[in-house]
N, C-alpha and C. Protein backbone atom coordinates (compact mmCIF):
# COMPACT_ATOMS: atom_id res chain seq x y z
N MET A 1 122.69 100.01 96.66
CA MET A 1 121.78 99.28 97.21
C MET A 1 121.66 97.78 96.03
N LYS A 2 121.29 96.93 96.77
CA LYS A 2 121.77 95.60 96.22
C LYS A 2 120.52 94.99 95.49
N ALA A 3 120.90 94.44 94.31
CA ALA A 3 119.66 94.42 93.16
C ALA A 3 119.26 92.98 93.77
N VAL A 4 117.90 92.82 93.71
CA VAL A 4 117.35 91.61 94.06
C VAL A 4 116.76 90.78 92.80
N THR A 5 117.24 89.43 92.73
CA THR A 5 116.99 88.83 91.56
C THR A 5 115.84 88.15 91.95
N ARG A 6 115.21 87.96 90.86
CA ARG A 6 113.83 87.08 91.17
C ARG A 6 113.81 85.67 90.35
N THR A 7 113.36 85.14 90.74
CA THR A 7 113.20 83.67 90.12
C THR A 7 112.15 83.28 88.87
N THR A 8 112.40 82.48 88.14
CA THR A 8 110.91 82.76 87.33
C THR A 8 110.03 82.04 88.20
N GLU A 9 110.11 81.06 89.10
CA GLU A 9 108.58 80.85 89.81
C GLU A 9 108.15 82.05 90.59
N GLU A 10 109.25 82.84 91.04
CA GLU A 10 108.50 83.70 91.77
C GLU A 10 107.79 85.04 91.02
N LEU A 11 107.98 85.42 89.82
CA LEU A 11 107.56 85.95 89.05
C LEU A 11 106.43 85.33 88.25
N ASP A 12 106.32 83.80 88.03
CA ASP A 12 105.34 83.35 87.54
C ASP A 12 104.33 83.44 88.56
N HIS A 13 104.17 83.14 89.72
CA HIS A 13 103.41 82.86 90.87
C HIS A 13 102.94 84.86 91.03
N ARG A 14 103.45 85.71 91.02
CA ARG A 14 103.11 87.03 91.25
C ARG A 14 102.35 87.56 89.73
N ASP A 15 102.69 86.92 88.51
CA ASP A 15 101.84 87.31 87.16
C ASP A 15 100.66 86.63 87.34
N ARG A 16 100.56 85.38 87.92
CA ARG A 16 99.23 84.53 88.06
C ARG A 16 98.61 85.37 89.04
N THR A 17 99.07 85.82 90.03
CA THR A 17 98.01 85.98 91.13
C THR A 17 97.69 87.44 90.83
N ILE A 18 97.73 88.21 89.74
CA ILE A 18 97.89 89.45 89.22
C ILE A 18 96.80 89.47 88.24
N ASN A 19 96.91 88.20 87.27
CA ASN A 19 95.93 88.00 86.43
C ASN A 19 94.76 87.15 86.59
N ARG A 20 94.63 86.67 87.84
CA ARG A 20 93.59 85.98 88.55
C ARG A 20 92.60 87.14 88.90
N LEU A 21 93.64 88.34 89.90
CA LEU A 21 92.49 89.01 90.30
C LEU A 21 92.06 90.19 89.49
N ARG A 22 92.57 90.39 88.30
CA ARG A 22 92.38 91.11 86.87
C ARG A 22 91.28 90.47 86.51
N GLU A 23 91.07 89.28 86.36
CA GLU A 23 89.80 88.51 85.40
C GLU A 23 88.70 88.42 86.39
N THR A 24 88.80 88.75 87.62
CA THR A 24 87.53 88.58 88.45
C THR A 24 86.32 90.08 87.99
N THR A 25 85.26 89.79 88.08
CA THR A 25 83.95 90.69 87.75
C THR A 25 84.24 91.85 88.88
N GLY A 26 83.71 92.94 88.47
CA GLY A 26 83.92 94.49 89.18
C GLY A 26 84.97 94.99 89.64
N LEU A 27 84.68 96.37 90.30
CA LEU A 27 85.77 97.05 90.60
C LEU A 27 86.97 96.28 91.45
N ARG A 28 86.80 95.51 92.29
CA ARG A 28 87.00 94.92 93.71
C ARG A 28 88.47 94.37 92.74
N GLY A 29 88.19 93.40 92.32
CA GLY A 29 89.37 92.87 91.73
C GLY A 29 90.60 93.58 91.14
N LYS A 30 89.57 94.54 90.13
CA LYS A 30 90.52 95.61 89.35
C LYS A 30 91.75 96.10 90.41
N ILE A 31 91.18 96.73 91.24
CA ILE A 31 91.97 97.37 92.43
C ILE A 31 93.06 96.63 92.97
N ASP A 32 92.39 95.33 93.36
CA ASP A 32 93.34 94.33 94.42
C ASP A 32 94.63 94.24 93.27
N ALA A 33 94.19 93.64 91.88
CA ALA A 33 95.47 93.52 90.91
C ALA A 33 96.46 94.50 90.66
N MET A 34 95.87 96.09 90.84
CA MET A 34 96.81 97.09 90.72
C MET A 34 97.44 97.26 91.68
N CYS A 35 96.68 97.43 92.96
CA CYS A 35 97.55 97.28 94.29
C CYS A 35 98.56 96.34 94.43
N CYS A 36 98.10 95.23 93.87
CA CYS A 36 99.22 93.68 93.82
C CYS A 36 100.52 94.11 92.92
N TYR A 37 100.06 94.37 91.98
CA TYR A 37 101.05 94.89 90.73
C TYR A 37 102.37 96.21 91.36
N CYS A 38 101.66 96.87 92.21
CA CYS A 38 102.16 98.26 92.45
C CYS A 38 103.26 97.65 93.54
N ILE A 39 102.70 96.84 94.93
CA ILE A 39 103.33 96.92 96.08
C ILE A 39 103.85 95.09 96.00
N TYR A 40 103.04 94.18 95.75
CA TYR A 40 103.76 93.27 96.09
C TYR A 40 105.11 92.17 95.99
N ASP A 41 105.95 92.17 96.59
CA ASP A 41 107.33 91.62 96.46
C ASP A 41 107.21 90.22 97.38
N PRO A 42 107.39 89.19 96.15
CA PRO A 42 107.73 87.47 96.96
C PRO A 42 108.63 87.86 97.93
N HIS A 43 109.88 88.64 97.66
CA HIS A 43 110.93 88.40 98.50
C HIS A 43 110.69 88.65 100.09
N GLN A 44 109.52 89.77 100.30
CA GLN A 44 109.06 90.53 101.61
C GLN A 44 108.26 89.70 102.31
N LYS A 45 108.03 90.17 103.51
CA LYS A 45 107.04 89.34 104.26
C LYS A 45 105.83 89.68 104.41
N GLY A 46 105.12 88.69 104.26
CA GLY A 46 103.58 88.68 103.70
C GLY A 46 103.12 88.35 102.55
N ALA A 47 101.83 87.95 102.41
CA ALA A 47 101.45 87.27 101.29
C ALA A 47 100.93 88.81 100.59
N TRP A 48 100.45 88.93 99.60
CA TRP A 48 100.32 90.21 98.97
C TRP A 48 98.83 90.95 99.75
N ARG A 49 97.83 90.15 99.76
CA ARG A 49 97.02 91.12 101.14
C ARG A 49 97.62 91.83 102.06
N GLU A 50 98.24 91.39 102.96
CA GLU A 50 99.13 91.54 104.10
C GLU A 50 99.74 92.83 103.76
N GLN A 51 100.71 92.90 102.45
CA GLN A 51 101.68 93.87 101.97
C GLN A 51 100.55 94.85 101.56
N VAL A 52 99.71 94.76 100.95
CA VAL A 52 98.87 96.13 100.47
C VAL A 52 98.05 96.70 101.64
N ALA A 53 97.73 95.69 102.32
CA ALA A 53 97.01 96.45 103.89
C ALA A 53 97.88 97.76 104.52
N ASN A 54 99.49 96.89 104.35
CA ASN A 54 100.25 97.64 105.11
C ASN A 54 100.73 98.93 104.20
N CYS A 55 100.15 98.74 102.86
CA CYS A 55 100.86 100.13 102.13
C CYS A 55 100.64 101.65 102.93
N ASP A 56 101.45 102.45 102.59
CA ASP A 56 101.47 103.66 103.60
C ASP A 56 101.62 105.15 102.19
N ASP A 57 101.32 104.51 101.56
CA ASP A 57 101.45 105.55 99.97
C ASP A 57 100.11 106.61 99.98
N LYS A 58 99.86 107.51 100.82
CA LYS A 58 98.63 108.11 100.57
C LYS A 58 98.19 109.04 99.91
N VAL A 59 99.43 109.47 99.10
CA VAL A 59 99.53 110.07 97.92
C VAL A 59 98.68 109.06 96.35
N CYS A 60 98.85 108.16 96.71
CA CYS A 60 98.07 106.96 95.97
C CYS A 60 96.37 107.19 95.62
N PRO A 61 95.90 107.06 94.56
CA PRO A 61 94.29 107.24 94.29
C PRO A 61 93.52 106.14 94.78
N LEU A 62 94.52 105.11 94.76
CA LEU A 62 93.49 103.81 95.25
C LEU A 62 93.55 103.25 96.84
N PHE A 63 94.66 104.43 97.52
CA PHE A 63 94.57 104.35 98.97
C PHE A 63 93.51 103.86 99.78
N GLU A 64 92.53 104.56 99.97
CA GLU A 64 91.54 104.71 100.65
C GLU A 64 90.61 103.21 100.55
N VAL A 65 90.74 102.87 98.72
CA VAL A 65 90.22 101.77 98.70
C VAL A 65 90.58 100.34 98.13
N ARG A 66 91.75 100.47 98.90
CA ARG A 66 92.56 99.38 99.02
C ARG A 66 92.44 98.15 100.12
N THR A 67 92.04 96.82 99.49
CA THR A 67 92.00 95.57 100.57
C THR A 67 92.81 95.92 101.88
N LYS A 68 92.03 95.87 102.89
CA LYS A 68 92.65 96.27 104.31
C LYS A 68 92.37 95.27 105.02
N SER A 69 92.95 95.17 106.30
CA SER A 69 92.91 93.79 107.17
C SER A 69 91.40 93.99 107.93
N ALA A 70 90.98 92.74 108.02
CA ALA A 70 89.55 92.89 108.94
C ALA A 70 90.04 92.95 110.43
N ARG A 71 91.09 92.55 110.65
CA ARG A 71 91.55 93.06 112.20
C ARG A 71 92.35 94.13 112.17
N ARG A 72 91.55 95.02 113.52
CA ARG A 72 91.83 96.16 114.00
C ARG A 72 93.18 95.80 114.92
N LYS A 73 94.28 96.54 114.42
CA LYS A 73 95.26 96.95 114.99
C LYS A 73 95.44 98.08 116.26
N THR A 74 95.90 97.46 117.26
CA THR A 74 95.61 98.13 118.64
C THR A 74 96.92 98.68 119.10
């Protein structure tokens, strides 16, 4: 498996996104921050919301309450 090296800029962006979400009031921000922490990879296609919406880890306790796409896929 090829090791992926992340630049400081990518890590800073990811950390800033997680911290911004975590600092919002209510549970929604905390859930989004945890999902972002778990699955978001700047090297992959899509923003953190898209990656979280496409998560298929049905064992995760946050699976049912994660951020989902507003559009329905047909």
